């Protein structure tokens, strides 16, 4: 973990494991992967995250990346808005992959509050 550019960054690397559920159904290059997560958090409202996998021992540039941005914006003292965006460098034209990534979480009520 390092402090840089007004935020905190962390690069997480796990070598030689089966692909995570996010990638397992579409990754066909190898049975095992090196998995990474590169994160930068800028308090109080911004998180930038790049999740990815590569064949074991391959160069980082050869991997599949799923970068995302998570941004909270205050509306007033009791309400905020959550914005989320992502991109990917794999299966770009595959609508099923897109649908799997943007499928609503099973716990949307966790974000709702009474006014």
PDB file of N, CA and C in Angstrom:
ATOM      1  N   UNK A   1       0.842  -1.150   0.000  1.00  0.00           N
ATOM      2  CA  UNK A   1       0.000   0.000   0.000  1.00  0.00           C
ATOM      3  C   UNK A   1       0.900   1.230   0.000  1.00  0.00           C
ATOM      4  N   UNK A   2       0.557   2.202  -0.868  1.00  0.00           N
ATOM      5  CA  UNK A   2       1.347   3.426  -0.962  1.00  0.00           C
ATOM      6  C   UNK A   2       0.426   4.635  -1.052  1.00  0.00           C
ATOM      7  N   UNK A   3       0.933   5.755  -0.574  1.00  0.00           N
ATOM      8  CA  UNK A   3       0.218   7.021  -0.740  1.00  0.00           C
ATOM      9  C   UNK A   3       0.776   7.699  -1.984  1.00  0.00           C
ATOM     10  N   UNK A   4      -0.119   8.059  -2.933  1.00  0.00           N
ATOM     11  CA  UNK A   4       0.341   8.779  -4.113  1.00  0.00           C
ATOM     12  C   UNK A   4      -0.823   9.487  -4.783  1.00  0.00           C
ATOM     13  N   UNK A   5      -0.540  10.560  -5.440  1.00  0.00           N
ATOM     14  CA  UNK A   5      -1.534  11.307  -6.208  1.00  0.00           C
ATOM     15  C   UNK A   5      -2.789  11.626  -5.405  1.00  0.00           C
ATOM     16  N   UNK A   6      -2.629  11.973  -4.141  1.00  0.00           N
ATOM     17  CA  UNK A   6      -3.771  12.338  -3.313  1.00  0.00           C
ATOM     18  C   UNK A   6      -4.629  11.172  -2.889  1.00  0.00           C
ATOM     19  N   UNK A   7      -4.125   9.959  -3.009  1.00  0.00           N
ATOM     20  CA  UNK A   7      -4.907   8.791  -2.634  1.00  0.00           C
ATOM     21  C   UNK A   7      -4.041   7.692  -2.063  1.00  0.00           C
ATOM     22  N   UNK A   8      -4.658   6.562  -1.859  1.00  0.00           N
ATOM     23  CA  UNK A   8      -3.969   5.375  -1.372  1.00  0.00           C
ATOM     24  C   UNK A   8      -4.099   4.296  -2.444  1.00  0.00           C
ATOM     25  N   UNK A   9      -2.980   3.690  -2.807  1.00  0.00           N
ATOM     26  CA  UNK A   9      -2.977   2.655  -3.837  1.00  0.00           C
ATOM     27  C   UNK A   9      -2.501   1.335  -3.265  1.00  0.00           C
ATOM     28  N   UNK A  10      -3.067   0.268  -3.806  1.00  0.00           N
ATOM     29  CA  UNK A  10      -2.679  -1.070  -3.403  1.00  0.00           C
ATOM     30  C   UNK A  10      -2.711  -1.973  -4.629  1.00  0.00           C
ATOM     31  N   UNK A  11      -1.664  -2.730  -4.823  1.00  0.00           N
ATOM     32  CA  UNK A  11      -1.607  -3.701  -5.909  1.00  0.00           C
ATOM     33  C   UNK A  11      -1.554  -5.088  -5.293  1.00  0.00           C
ATOM     34  N   UNK A  12      -2.541  -5.895  -5.614  1.00  0.00           N
ATOM     35  CA  UNK A  12      -2.720  -7.225  -5.051  1.00  0.00           C
ATOM     36  C   UNK A  12      -2.454  -8.240  -6.153  1.00  0.00           C
ATOM     37  N   UNK A  13      -1.610  -9.204  -5.887  1.00  0.00           N
ATOM     38  CA  UNK A  13      -1.216 -10.180  -6.896  1.00  0.00           C
ATOM     39  C   UNK A  13      -1.268 -11.575  -6.273  1.00  0.00           C
ATOM     40  N   UNK A  14      -2.024 -12.483  -6.892  1.00  0.00           N
ATOM     41  CA  UNK A  14      -2.101 -13.855  -6.401  1.00  0.00           C
ATOM     42  C   UNK A  14      -1.737 -14.775  -7.565  1.00  0.00           C
ATOM     43  N   UNK A  15      -0.588 -15.436  -7.495  1.00  0.00           N
ATOM     44  CA  UNK A  15      -0.180 -16.311  -8.594  1.00  0.00           C
ATOM     45  C   UNK A  15      -0.778 -17.715  -8.512  1.00  0.00           C
ATOM     46  N   UNK A  16      -0.947 -18.306  -9.683  1.00  0.00           N
ATOM     47  CA  UNK A  16      -1.233 -19.727  -9.841  1.00  0.00           C
ATOM     48  C   UNK A  16      -2.435 -20.234  -9.044  1.00  0.00           C
ATOM     49  N   UNK A  17      -3.626 -19.791  -9.445  1.00  0.00           N
ATOM     50  CA  UNK A  17      -4.859 -20.286  -8.845  1.00  0.00           C
ATOM     51  C   UNK A  17      -5.914 -20.443  -9.930  1.00  0.00           C
ATOM     52  N   UNK A  18      -7.007 -21.141  -9.656  1.00  0.00           N
ATOM     53  CA  UNK A  18      -8.078 -21.241 -10.656  1.00  0.00           C
ATOM     54  C   UNK A  18      -8.693 -19.860 -10.892  1.00  0.00           C
ATOM     55  N   UNK A  19      -9.226 -19.588 -12.075  1.00  0.00           N
ATOM     56  CA  UNK A  19      -9.859 -18.296 -12.331  1.00  0.00           C
ATOM     57  C   UNK A  19     -11.017 -18.043 -11.364  1.00  0.00           C
ATOM     58  N   UNK A  20     -11.194 -16.792 -10.973  1.00  0.00           N
ATOM     59  CA  UNK A  20     -12.295 -16.414 -10.084  1.00  0.00           C
ATOM     60  C   UNK A  20     -13.623 -16.576 -10.830  1.00  0.00           C
ATOM     61  N   UNK A  21     -14.740 -16.607 -10.107  1.00  0.00           N
ATOM     62  CA  UNK A  21     -16.044 -16.748 -10.770  1.00  0.00           C
ATOM     63  C   UNK A  21     -16.311 -15.683 -11.836  1.00  0.00           C
ATOM     64  N   UNK A  22     -15.754 -14.485 -11.664  1.00  0.00           N
ATOM     65  CA  UNK A  22     -15.946 -13.420 -12.658  1.00  0.00           C
ATOM     66  C   UNK A  22     -15.423 -13.859 -14.024  1.00  0.00           C
ATOM     67  N   UNK A  23     -14.321 -14.575 -14.045  1.00  0.00           N
ATOM     68  CA  UNK A  23     -13.674 -14.954 -15.291  1.00  0.00           C
ATOM     69  C   UNK A  23     -13.837 -16.425 -15.675  1.00  0.00           C
ATOM     70  N   UNK A  24     -14.184 -17.289 -14.737  1.00  0.00           N
ATOM     71  CA  UNK A  24     -14.116 -18.741 -14.938  1.00  0.00           C
ATOM     72  C   UNK A  24     -14.926 -19.249 -16.125  1.00  0.00           C
ATOM     73  N   UNK A  25     -16.081 -18.671 -16.377  1.00  0.00           N
ATOM     74  CA  UNK A  25     -16.928 -19.209 -17.445  1.00  0.00           C
ATOM     75  C   UNK A  25     -16.449 -18.849 -18.842  1.00  0.00           C
ATOM     76  N   UNK A  26     -15.575 -17.865 -18.970  1.00  0.00           N
ATOM     77  CA  UNK A  26     -15.146 -17.447 -20.309  1.00  0.00           C
ATOM     78  C   UNK A  26     -13.640 -17.563 -20.544  1.00  0.00           C
ATOM     79  N   UNK A  27     -12.851 -17.783 -19.504  1.00  0.00           N
ATOM     80  CA  UNK A  27     -11.396 -17.912 -19.643  1.00  0.00           C
ATOM     81  C   UNK A  27     -11.072 -19.316 -20.139  1.00  0.00           C
ATOM     82  N   UNK A  28     -10.474 -19.421 -21.310  1.00  0.00           N
ATOM     83  CA  UNK A  28     -10.164 -20.732 -21.880  1.00  0.00           C
ATOM     84  C   UNK A  28      -8.675 -20.894 -22.192  1.00  0.00           C
ATOM     85  N   UNK A  29      -7.847 -19.941 -21.765  1.00  0.00           N
ATOM     86  CA  UNK A  29      -6.433 -19.979 -22.120  1.00  0.00           C
ATOM     87  C   UNK A  29      -5.625 -20.964 -21.272  1.00  0.00           C
ATOM     88  N   UNK A  30      -6.019 -21.169 -20.022  1.00  0.00           N
ATOM     89  CA  UNK A  30      -5.292 -22.065 -19.126  1.00  0.00           C
ATOM     90  C   UNK A  30      -6.202 -22.420 -17.958  1.00  0.00           C
ATOM     91  N   UNK A  31      -5.877 -23.530 -17.271  1.00  0.00           N
ATOM     92  CA  UNK A  31      -6.688 -23.939 -16.125  1.00  0.00           C
ATOM     93  C   UNK A  31      -6.380 -23.104 -14.888  1.00  0.00           C
ATOM     94  N   UNK A  32      -5.198 -22.528 -14.850  1.00  0.00           N
ATOM     95  CA  UNK A  32      -4.802 -21.708 -13.712  1.00  0.00           C
ATOM     96  C   UNK A  32      -4.386 -20.342 -14.227  1.00  0.00           C
ATOM     97  N   UNK A  33      -4.405 -19.354 -13.337  1.00  0.00           N
ATOM     98  CA  UNK A  33      -4.096 -17.982 -13.724  1.00  0.00           C
ATOM     99  C   UNK A  33      -3.321 -17.295 -12.602  1.00  0.00           C
ATOM    100  N   UNK A  34      -2.727 -16.181 -12.953  1.00  0.00           N
ATOM    101  CA  UNK A  34      -2.256 -15.213 -11.964  1.00  0.00           C
ATOM    102  C   UNK A  34      -3.335 -14.130 -11.944  1.00  0.00           C
ATOM    103  N   UNK A  35      -3.805 -13.792 -10.767  1.00  0.00           N
ATOM    104  CA  UNK A  35      -4.891 -12.811 -10.637  1.00  0.00           C
ATOM    105  C   UNK A  35      -4.359 -11.542  -9.974  1.00  0.00           C
ATOM    106  N   UNK A  36      -4.866 -10.384 -10.418  1.00  0.00           N
ATOM    107  CA  UNK A  36      -4.417  -9.132  -9.832  1.00  0.00           C
ATOM    108  C   UNK A  36      -5.585  -8.177  -9.598  1.00  0.00           C
ATOM    109  N   UNK A  37      -5.371  -7.270  -8.675  1.00  0.00           N
ATOM    110  CA  UNK A  37      -6.308  -6.181  -8.402  1.00  0.00           C
ATOM    111  C   UNK A  37      -5.466  -4.951  -8.075  1.00  0.00           C
ATOM    112  N   UNK A  38      -5.587  -3.938  -8.904  1.00  0.00           N
ATOM    113  CA  UNK A  38      -4.873  -2.678  -8.698  1.00  0.00           C
ATOM    114  C   UNK A  38      -5.914  -1.635  -8.296  1.00  0.00           C
ATOM    115  N   UNK A  39      -5.780  -1.088  -7.089  1.00  0.00           N
ATOM    116  CA  UNK A  39      -6.790  -0.192  -6.542  1.00  0.00           C
ATOM    117  C   UNK A  39      -6.190   1.144  -6.164  1.00  0.00           C
ATOM    118  N   UNK A  40      -6.950   2.204  -6.390  1.00  0.00           N
ATOM    119  CA  UNK A  40      -6.605   3.523  -5.874  1.00  0.00           C
ATOM    120  C   UNK A  40      -7.857   4.125  -5.263  1.00  0.00           C
ATOM    121  N   UNK A  41      -7.766   4.493  -4.008  1.00  0.00           N
ATOM    122  CA  UNK A  41      -8.876   5.123  -3.297  1.00  0.00           C
ATOM    123  C   UNK A  41      -8.505   6.568  -2.988  1.00  0.00           C
ATOM    124  N   UNK A  42      -9.388   7.452  -3.349  1.00  0.00           N
ATOM    125  CA  UNK A  42      -9.218   8.874  -3.045  1.00  0.00           C
ATOM    126  C   UNK A  42     -10.390   9.281  -2.155  1.00  0.00           C
ATOM    127  N   UNK A  43     -10.070   9.463  -0.868  1.00  0.00           N
ATOM    128  CA  UNK A  43     -11.121   9.792   0.102  1.00  0.00           C
ATOM    129  C   UNK A  43     -11.828  11.077  -0.320  1.00  0.00           C
ATOM    130  N   UNK A  44     -13.012  11.184  -0.143  1.00  0.00           N
ATOM    131  CA  UNK A  44     -13.913  10.298   0.531  1.00  0.00           C
ATOM    132  C   UNK A  44     -14.762   9.522  -0.478  1.00  0.00           C
ATOM    133  N   UNK A  45     -14.652   9.858  -1.750  1.00  0.00           N
ATOM    134  CA  UNK A  45     -15.706   9.398  -2.653  1.00  0.00           C
ATOM    135  C   UNK A  45     -15.289   8.633  -3.908  1.00  0.00           C
ATOM    136  N   UNK A  46     -14.024   8.337  -4.122  1.00  0.00           N
ATOM    137  CA  UNK A  46     -13.635   7.720  -5.398  1.00  0.00           C
ATOM    138  C   UNK A  46     -12.772   6.479  -5.184  1.00  0.00           C
ATOM    139  N   UNK A  47     -13.142   5.399  -5.898  1.00  0.00           N
ATOM    140  CA  UNK A  47     -12.344   4.178  -5.919  1.00  0.00           C
ATOM    141  C   UNK A  47     -12.169   3.776  -7.379  1.00  0.00           C
ATOM    142  N   UNK A  48     -10.933   3.563  -7.777  1.00  0.00           N
ATOM    143  CA  UNK A  48     -10.617   3.078  -9.118  1.00  0.00           C
ATOM    144  C   UNK A  48      -9.989   1.689  -8.949  1.00  0.00           C
ATOM    145  N   UNK A  49     -10.538   0.715  -9.661  1.00  0.00           N
ATOM    146  CA  UNK A  49     -10.149  -0.674  -9.463  1.00  0.00           C
ATOM    147  C   UNK A  49      -9.936  -1.346 -10.817  1.00  0.00           C
ATOM    148  N   UNK A  50      -8.822  -2.041 -10.975  1.00  0.00           N
ATOM    149  CA  UNK A  50      -8.556  -2.823 -12.179  1.00  0.00           C
ATOM    150  C   UNK A  50      -8.356  -4.264 -11.756  1.00  0.00           C
ATOM    151  N   UNK A  51      -9.359  -5.105 -12.024  1.00  0.00           N
ATOM    152  CA  UNK A  51      -9.260  -6.540 -11.766  1.00  0.00           C
ATOM    153  C   UNK A  51      -8.788  -7.219 -13.037  1.00  0.00           C
ATOM    154  N   UNK A  52      -8.005  -8.275 -12.894  1.00  0.00           N
ATOM    155  CA  UNK A  52      -7.586  -8.969 -14.093  1.00  0.00           C
ATOM    156  C   UNK A  52      -6.921 -10.291 -13.827  1.00  0.00           C
ATOM    157  N   UNK A  53      -6.713 -11.022 -14.922  1.00  0.00           N
ATOM    158  CA  UNK A  53      -6.021 -12.303 -14.874  1.00  0.00           C
ATOM    159  C   UNK A  53      -5.111 -12.433 -16.088  1.00  0.00           C
ATOM    160  N   UNK A  54      -4.073 -13.238 -15.908  1.00  0.00           N
ATOM    161  CA  UNK A  54      -3.157 -13.574 -17.002  1.00  0.00           C
ATOM    162  C   UNK A  54      -2.789 -15.050 -16.870  1.00  0.00           C
ATOM    163  N   UNK A  55      -2.310 -15.662 -17.942  1.00  0.00           N
ATOM    164  CA  UNK A  55      -1.779 -17.019 -17.788  1.00  0.00           C
ATOM    165  C   UNK A  55      -0.623 -16.986 -16.783  1.00  0.00           C
ATOM    166  N   UNK A  56      -0.432 -18.035 -16.004  1.00  0.00           N
ATOM    167  CA  UNK A  56       0.638 -18.022 -14.998  1.00  0.00           C
ATOM    168  C   UNK A  56       1.996 -17.637 -15.596  1.00  0.00           C
ATOM    169  N   UNK A  57       2.631 -16.663 -14.958  1.00  0.00           N
ATOM    170  CA  UNK A  57       3.960 -16.219 -15.369  1.00  0.00           C
ATOM    171  C   UNK A  57       4.001 -15.276 -16.549  1.00  0.00           C
ATOM    172  N   UNK A  58       2.863 -14.971 -17.171  1.00  0.00           N
ATOM    173  CA  UNK A  58       2.845 -14.090 -18.338  1.00  0.00           C
ATOM    174  C   UNK A  58       3.012 -12.632 -17.912  1.00  0.00           C
ATOM    175  N   UNK A  59       3.289 -11.787 -18.879  1.00  0.00           N
ATOM    176  CA  UNK A  59       3.414 -10.353 -18.634  1.00  0.00           C
ATOM    177  C   UNK A  59       2.033  -9.746 -18.361  1.00  0.00           C
ATOM    178  N   UNK A  60       2.001  -8.768 -17.465  1.00  0.00           N
ATOM    179  CA  UNK A  60       0.756  -8.080 -17.091  1.00  0.00           C
ATOM    180  C   UNK A  60      -0.001  -7.557 -18.317  1.00  0.00           C
ATOM    181  N   UNK A  61       0.721  -7.119 -19.319  1.00  0.00           N
ATOM    182  CA  UNK A  61       0.087  -6.556 -20.523  1.00  0.00           C
ATOM    183  C   UNK A  61      -0.674  -7.603 -21.343  1.00  0.00           C
ATOM    184  N   UNK A  62      -0.421  -8.886 -21.112  1.00  0.00           N
ATOM    185  CA  UNK A  62      -1.097  -9.957 -21.835  1.00  0.00           C
ATOM    186  C   UNK A  62      -2.435 -10.348 -21.206  1.00  0.00           C
ATOM    187  N   UNK A  63      -2.793  -9.707 -20.100  1.00  0.00           N
ATOM    188  CA  UNK A  63      -3.955 -10.135 -19.342  1.00  0.00           C
ATOM    189  C   UNK A  63      -5.271  -9.542 -19.790  1.00  0.00           C
ATOM    190  N   UNK A  64      -6.298 -10.083 -19.197  1.00  0.00           N
ATOM    191  CA  UNK A  64      -7.646  -9.534 -19.324  1.00  0.00           C
ATOM    192  C   UNK A  64      -7.834  -8.567 -18.173  1.00  0.00           C
ATOM    193  N   UNK A  65      -8.298  -7.381 -18.503  1.00  0.00           N
ATOM    194  CA  UNK A  65      -8.495  -6.335 -17.499  1.00  0.00           C
ATOM    195  C   UNK A  65      -9.970  -5.963 -17.427  1.00  0.00           C
ATOM    196  N   UNK A  66     -10.431  -5.669 -16.221  1.00  0.00           N
ATOM    197  CA  UNK A  66     -11.793  -5.221 -15.977  1.00  0.00           C
ATOM    198  C   UNK A  66     -11.701  -3.985 -15.077  1.00  0.00           C
ATOM    199  N   UNK A  67     -11.286  -2.837 -15.658  1.00  0.00           N
ATOM    200  CA  UNK A  67     -11.174  -1.629 -14.846  1.00  0.00           C
ATOM    201  C   UNK A  67     -12.555  -1.046 -14.534  1.00  0.00           C
ATOM    202  N   UNK A  68     -12.679  -0.460 -13.351  1.00  0.00           N
ATOM    203  CA  UNK A  68     -13.948   0.143 -12.960  1.00  0.00           C
ATOM    204  C   UNK A  68     -13.707   1.378 -12.098  1.00  0.00           C
ATOM    205  N   UNK A  69     -14.722   2.224 -12.062  1.00  0.00           N
ATOM    206  CA  UNK A  69     -14.706   3.421 -11.219  1.00  0.00           C
ATOM    207  C   UNK A  69     -15.960   3.404 -10.358  1.00  0.00           C
ATOM    208  N   UNK A  70     -15.791   3.723  -9.093  1.00  0.00           N
ATOM    209  CA  UNK A  70     -16.895   3.787  -8.134  1.00  0.00           C
ATOM    210  C   UNK A  70     -16.845   5.170  -7.500  1.00  0.00           C
ATOM    211  N   UNK A  71     -17.901   5.932  -7.704  1.00  0.00           N
ATOM    212  CA  UNK A  71     -17.895   7.334  -7.283  1.00  0.00           C
ATOM    213  C   UNK A  71     -19.161   7.641  -6.492  1.00  0.00           C
ATOM    214  N   UNK A  72     -18.983   8.215  -5.320  1.00  0.00           N
ATOM    215  CA  UNK A  72     -20.097   8.659  -4.488  1.00  0.00           C
ATOM    216  C   UNK A  72     -20.174  10.177  -4.551  1.00  0.00           C
ATOM    217  N   UNK A  73     -21.373  10.695  -4.742  1.00  0.00           N
ATOM    218  CA  UNK A  73     -21.590  12.135  -4.804  1.00  0.00           C
ATOM    219  C   UNK A  73     -22.698  12.500  -3.830  1.00  0.00           C
ATOM    220  N   UNK A  74     -22.427  13.428  -2.953  1.00  0.00           N
ATOM    221  CA  UNK A  74     -23.444  13.852  -1.997  1.00  0.00           C
ATOM    222  C   UNK A  74     -24.519  14.690  -2.675  1.00  0.00           C
ATOM    223  N   UNK A  75     -25.766  14.433  -2.306  1.00  0.00           N
ATOM    224  CA  UNK A  75     -26.887  15.256  -2.760  1.00  0.00           C
ATOM    225  C   UNK A  75     -27.191  16.309  -1.702  1.00  0.00           C
ATOM    226  N   UNK A  76     -27.282  15.861  -0.464  1.00  0.00           N
ATOM    227  CA  UNK A  76     -27.497  16.745   0.680  1.00  0.00           C
ATOM    228  C   UNK A  76     -26.945  16.016   1.901  1.00  0.00           C
ATOM    229  N   UNK A  77     -27.266  16.473   3.100  1.00  0.00           N
ATOM    230  CA  UNK A  77     -26.641  15.879   4.277  1.00  0.00           C
ATOM    231  C   UNK A  77     -27.129  14.460   4.604  1.00  0.00           C
ATOM    232  N   UNK A  78     -28.196  13.994   3.971  1.00  0.00           N
ATOM    233  CA  UNK A  78     -28.686  12.640   4.254  1.00  0.00           C
ATOM    234  C   UNK A  78     -28.771  11.736   3.021  1.00  0.00           C
ATOM    235  N   UNK A  79     -28.453  12.227   1.835  1.00  0.00           N
ATOM    236  CA  UNK A  79     -28.580  11.433   0.613  1.00  0.00           C
ATOM    237  C   UNK A  79     -27.326  11.538  -0.246  1.00  0.00           C
ATOM    238  N   UNK A  80     -27.025  10.446  -0.935  1.00  0.00           N
ATOM    239  CA  UNK A  80     -25.901  10.458  -1.866  1.00  0.00           C
ATOM    240  C   UNK A  80     -26.255   9.613  -3.079  1.00  0.00           C
ATOM    241  N   UNK A  81     -25.461   9.756  -4.115  1.00  0.00           N
ATOM    242  CA  UNK A  81     -25.641   8.994  -5.354  1.00  0.00           C
ATOM    243  C   UNK A  81     -24.393   8.154  -5.572  1.00  0.00           C
ATOM    244  N   UNK A  82     -24.599   6.921  -6.023  1.00  0.00           N
ATOM    245  CA  UNK A  82     -23.502   6.006  -6.299  1.00  0.00           C
ATOM    246  C   UNK A  82     -23.442   5.782  -7.809  1.00  0.00           C
ATOM    247  N   UNK A  83     -22.302   6.091  -8.413  1.00  0.00           N
ATOM    248  CA  UNK A  83     -22.086   5.890  -9.843  1.00  0.00           C
ATOM    249  C   UNK A  83     -21.020   4.815 -10.019  1.00  0.00           C
ATOM    250  N   UNK A  84     -21.249   3.942 -10.983  1.00  0.00           N
ATOM    251  CA  UNK A  84     -20.333   2.842 -11.239  1.00  0.00           C
ATOM    252  C   UNK A  84     -20.161   2.716 -12.744  1.00  0.00           C
ATOM    253  N   UNK A  85     -18.934   2.557 -13.179  1.00  0.00           N
ATOM    254  CA  UNK A  85     -18.658   2.372 -14.609  1.00  0.00           C
ATOM    255  C   UNK A  85     -17.549   1.327 -14.743  1.00  0.00           C
ATOM    256  N   UNK A  86     -17.586   0.590 -15.842  1.00  0.00           N
ATOM    257  CA  UNK A  86     -16.551  -0.410 -16.071  1.00  0.00           C
ATOM    258  C   UNK A  86     -16.241  -0.486 -17.553  1.00  0.00           C
ATOM    259  N   UNK A  87     -15.116  -1.112 -17.831  1.00  0.00           N
ATOM    260  CA  UNK A  87     -14.706  -1.398 -19.208  1.00  0.00           C
ATOM    261  C   UNK A  87     -14.053  -2.779 -19.178  1.00  0.00           C
ATOM    262  N   UNK A  88     -13.688  -3.276 -20.341  1.00  0.00           N
ATOM    263  CA  UNK A  88     -12.949  -4.537 -20.393  1.00  0.00           C
ATOM    264  C   UNK A  88     -12.208  -4.622 -21.718  1.00  0.00           C
ATOM    265  N   UNK A  89     -11.168  -5.433 -21.731  1.00  0.00           N
ATOM    266  CA  UNK A  89     -10.398  -5.638 -22.960  1.00  0.00           C
ATOM    267  C   UNK A  89     -10.553  -7.070 -23.473  1.00  0.00           C
ATOM    268  N   UNK A  90     -11.648  -7.721 -23.140  1.00  0.00           N
ATOM    269  CA  UNK A  90     -11.909  -9.086 -23.590  1.00  0.00           C
ATOM    270  C   UNK A  90     -13.406  -9.233 -23.858  1.00  0.00           C
ATOM    271  N   UNK A  91     -13.754 -10.130 -24.772  1.00  0.00           N
ATOM    272  CA  UNK A  91     -15.158 -10.429 -25.105  1.00  0.00           C
ATOM    273  C   UNK A  91     -15.972  -9.156 -25.320  1.00  0.00           C
ATOM    274  N   UNK A  92     -15.389  -8.211 -26.032  1.00  0.00           N
ATOM    275  CA  UNK A  92     -16.012  -6.901 -26.232  1.00  0.00           C
ATOM    276  C   UNK A  92     -17.381  -7.014 -26.889  1.00  0.00           C
ATOM    277  N   UNK A  93     -17.531  -7.881 -27.857  1.00  0.00           N
ATOM    278  CA  UNK A  93     -18.796  -8.002 -28.595  1.00  0.00           C
ATOM    279  C   UNK A  93     -19.725  -9.091 -28.051  1.00  0.00           C
ATOM    280  N   UNK A  94     -19.429  -9.612 -26.881  1.00  0.00           N
ATOM    281  CA  UNK A  94     -20.229 -10.700 -26.315  1.00  0.00           C
ATOM    282  C   UNK A  94     -21.286 -10.123 -25.360  1.00  0.00           C
ATOM    283  N   UNK A  95     -22.527 -10.080 -25.820  1.00  0.00           N
ATOM    284  CA  UNK A  95     -23.609  -9.514 -25.021  1.00  0.00           C
ATOM    285  C   UNK A  95     -23.868 -10.304 -23.745  1.00  0.00           C
ATOM    286  N   UNK A  96     -23.613 -11.601 -23.750  1.00  0.00           N
ATOM    287  CA  UNK A  96     -23.819 -12.410 -22.547  1.00  0.00           C
ATOM    288  C   UNK A  96     -22.819 -12.039 -21.456  1.00  0.00           C
ATOM    289  N   UNK A  97     -21.590 -11.744 -21.839  1.00  0.00           N
ATOM    290  CA  UNK A  97     -20.597 -11.310 -20.860  1.00  0.00           C
ATOM    291  C   UNK A  97     -21.012  -9.960 -20.286  1.00  0.00           C
ATOM    292  N   UNK A  98     -21.439  -9.044 -21.140  1.00  0.00           N
ATOM    293  CA  UNK A  98     -21.901  -7.738 -20.673  1.00  0.00           C
ATOM    294  C   UNK A  98     -23.051  -7.911 -19.685  1.00  0.00           C
ATOM    295  N   UNK A  99     -24.026  -8.734 -20.030  1.00  0.00           N
ATOM    296  CA  UNK A  99     -25.184  -8.942 -19.164  1.00  0.00           C
ATOM    297  C   UNK A  99     -24.771  -9.526 -17.812  1.00  0.00           C
ATOM    298  N   UNK A 100     -23.812 -10.440 -17.812  1.00  0.00           N
ATOM    299  CA  UNK A 100     -23.360 -11.043 -16.561  1.00  0.00           C
ATOM    300  C   UNK A 100     -22.671 -10.016 -15.665  1.00  0.00           C
ATOM    301  N   UNK A 101     -21.957  -9.074 -16.266  1.00  0.00           N
ATOM    302  CA  UNK A 101     -21.243  -8.063 -15.487  1.00  0.00           C
ATOM    303  C   UNK A 101     -22.205  -7.025 -14.912  1.00  0.00           C
ATOM    304  N   UNK A 102     -23.189  -6.619 -15.680  1.00  0.00           N
ATOM    305  CA  UNK A 102     -24.082  -5.536 -15.234  1.00  0.00           C
ATOM    306  C   UNK A 102     -25.343  -6.044 -14.545  1.00  0.00           C
ATOM    307  N   UNK A 103     -25.475  -7.358 -14.385  1.00  0.00           N
ATOM    308  CA  UNK A 103     -26.640  -7.932 -13.706  1.00  0.00           C
ATOM    309  C   UNK A 103     -26.764  -7.315 -12.318  1.00  0.00           C
ATOM    310  N   UNK A 104     -27.972  -6.923 -11.926  1.00  0.00           N
ATOM    311  CA  UNK A 104     -28.141  -6.308 -10.601  1.00  0.00           C
ATOM    312  C   UNK A 104     -27.669  -7.238  -9.481  1.00  0.00           C
ATOM    313  N   UNK A 105     -27.081  -6.642  -8.472  1.00  0.00           N
ATOM    314  CA  UNK A 105     -26.647  -7.410  -7.307  1.00  0.00           C
ATOM    315  C   UNK A 105     -27.868  -7.973  -6.585  1.00  0.00           C
ATOM    316  N   UNK A 106     -27.714  -9.078  -5.882  1.00  0.00           N
ATOM    317  CA  UNK A 106     -28.860  -9.686  -5.195  1.00  0.00           C
ATOM    318  C   UNK A 106     -29.289  -8.945  -3.938  1.00  0.00           C
ATOM    319  N   UNK A 107     -28.601  -7.863  -3.597  1.00  0.00           N
ATOM    320  CA  UNK A 107     -28.904  -7.155  -2.367  1.00  0.00           C
ATOM    321  C   UNK A 107     -29.154  -5.661  -2.575  1.00  0.00           C
ATOM    322  N   UNK A 108     -29.950  -5.264  -3.592  1.00  0.00           N
ATOM    323  CA  UNK A 108     -30.122  -3.824  -3.818  1.00  0.00           C
ATOM    324  C   UNK A 108     -30.756  -3.094  -2.643  1.00  0.00           C
ATOM    325  N   UNK A 109     -31.543  -3.795  -1.826  1.00  0.00           N
ATOM    326  CA  UNK A 109     -32.186  -3.118  -0.707  1.00  0.00           C
ATOM    327  C   UNK A 109     -31.170  -2.646   0.336  1.00  0.00           C
ATOM    328  N   UNK A 110     -29.969  -3.190   0.313  1.00  0.00           N
ATOM    329  CA  UNK A 110     -28.945  -2.747   1.268  1.00  0.00           C
ATOM    330  C   UNK A 110     -28.585  -1.287   1.055  1.00  0.00           C
ATOM    331  N   UNK A 111     -28.809  -0.761  -0.147  1.00  0.00           N
ATOM    332  CA  UNK A 111     -28.451   0.612  -0.444  1.00  0.00           C
ATOM    333  C   UNK A 111     -29.593   1.584  -0.174  1.00  0.00           C
ATOM    334  N   UNK A 112     -30.795   1.076   0.075  1.00  0.00           N
ATOM    335  CA  UNK A 112     -31.932   1.952   0.281  1.00  0.00           C
ATOM    336  C   UNK A 112     -32.035   2.367   1.741  1.00  0.00           C
ATOM    337  N   UNK A 113     -32.391   3.611   1.937  1.00  0.00           N
ATOM    338  CA  UNK A 113     -32.591   4.112   3.294  1.00  0.00           C
ATOM    339  C   UNK A 113     -33.926   4.834   3.336  1.00  0.00           C
ATOM    340  N   UNK A 114     -34.490   4.937   4.508  1.00  0.00           N
ATOM    341  CA  UNK A 114     -35.737   5.699   4.644  1.00  0.00           C
ATOM    342  C   UNK A 114     -35.378   7.163   4.779  1.00  0.00           C
ATOM    343  N   UNK A 115     -36.237   8.002   4.271  1.00  0.00           N
ATOM    344  CA  UNK A 115     -35.975   9.453   4.323  1.00  0.00           C
ATOM    345  C   UNK A 115     -36.722  10.089   5.453  1.00  0.00           C
TER     346      UNK A 115
END
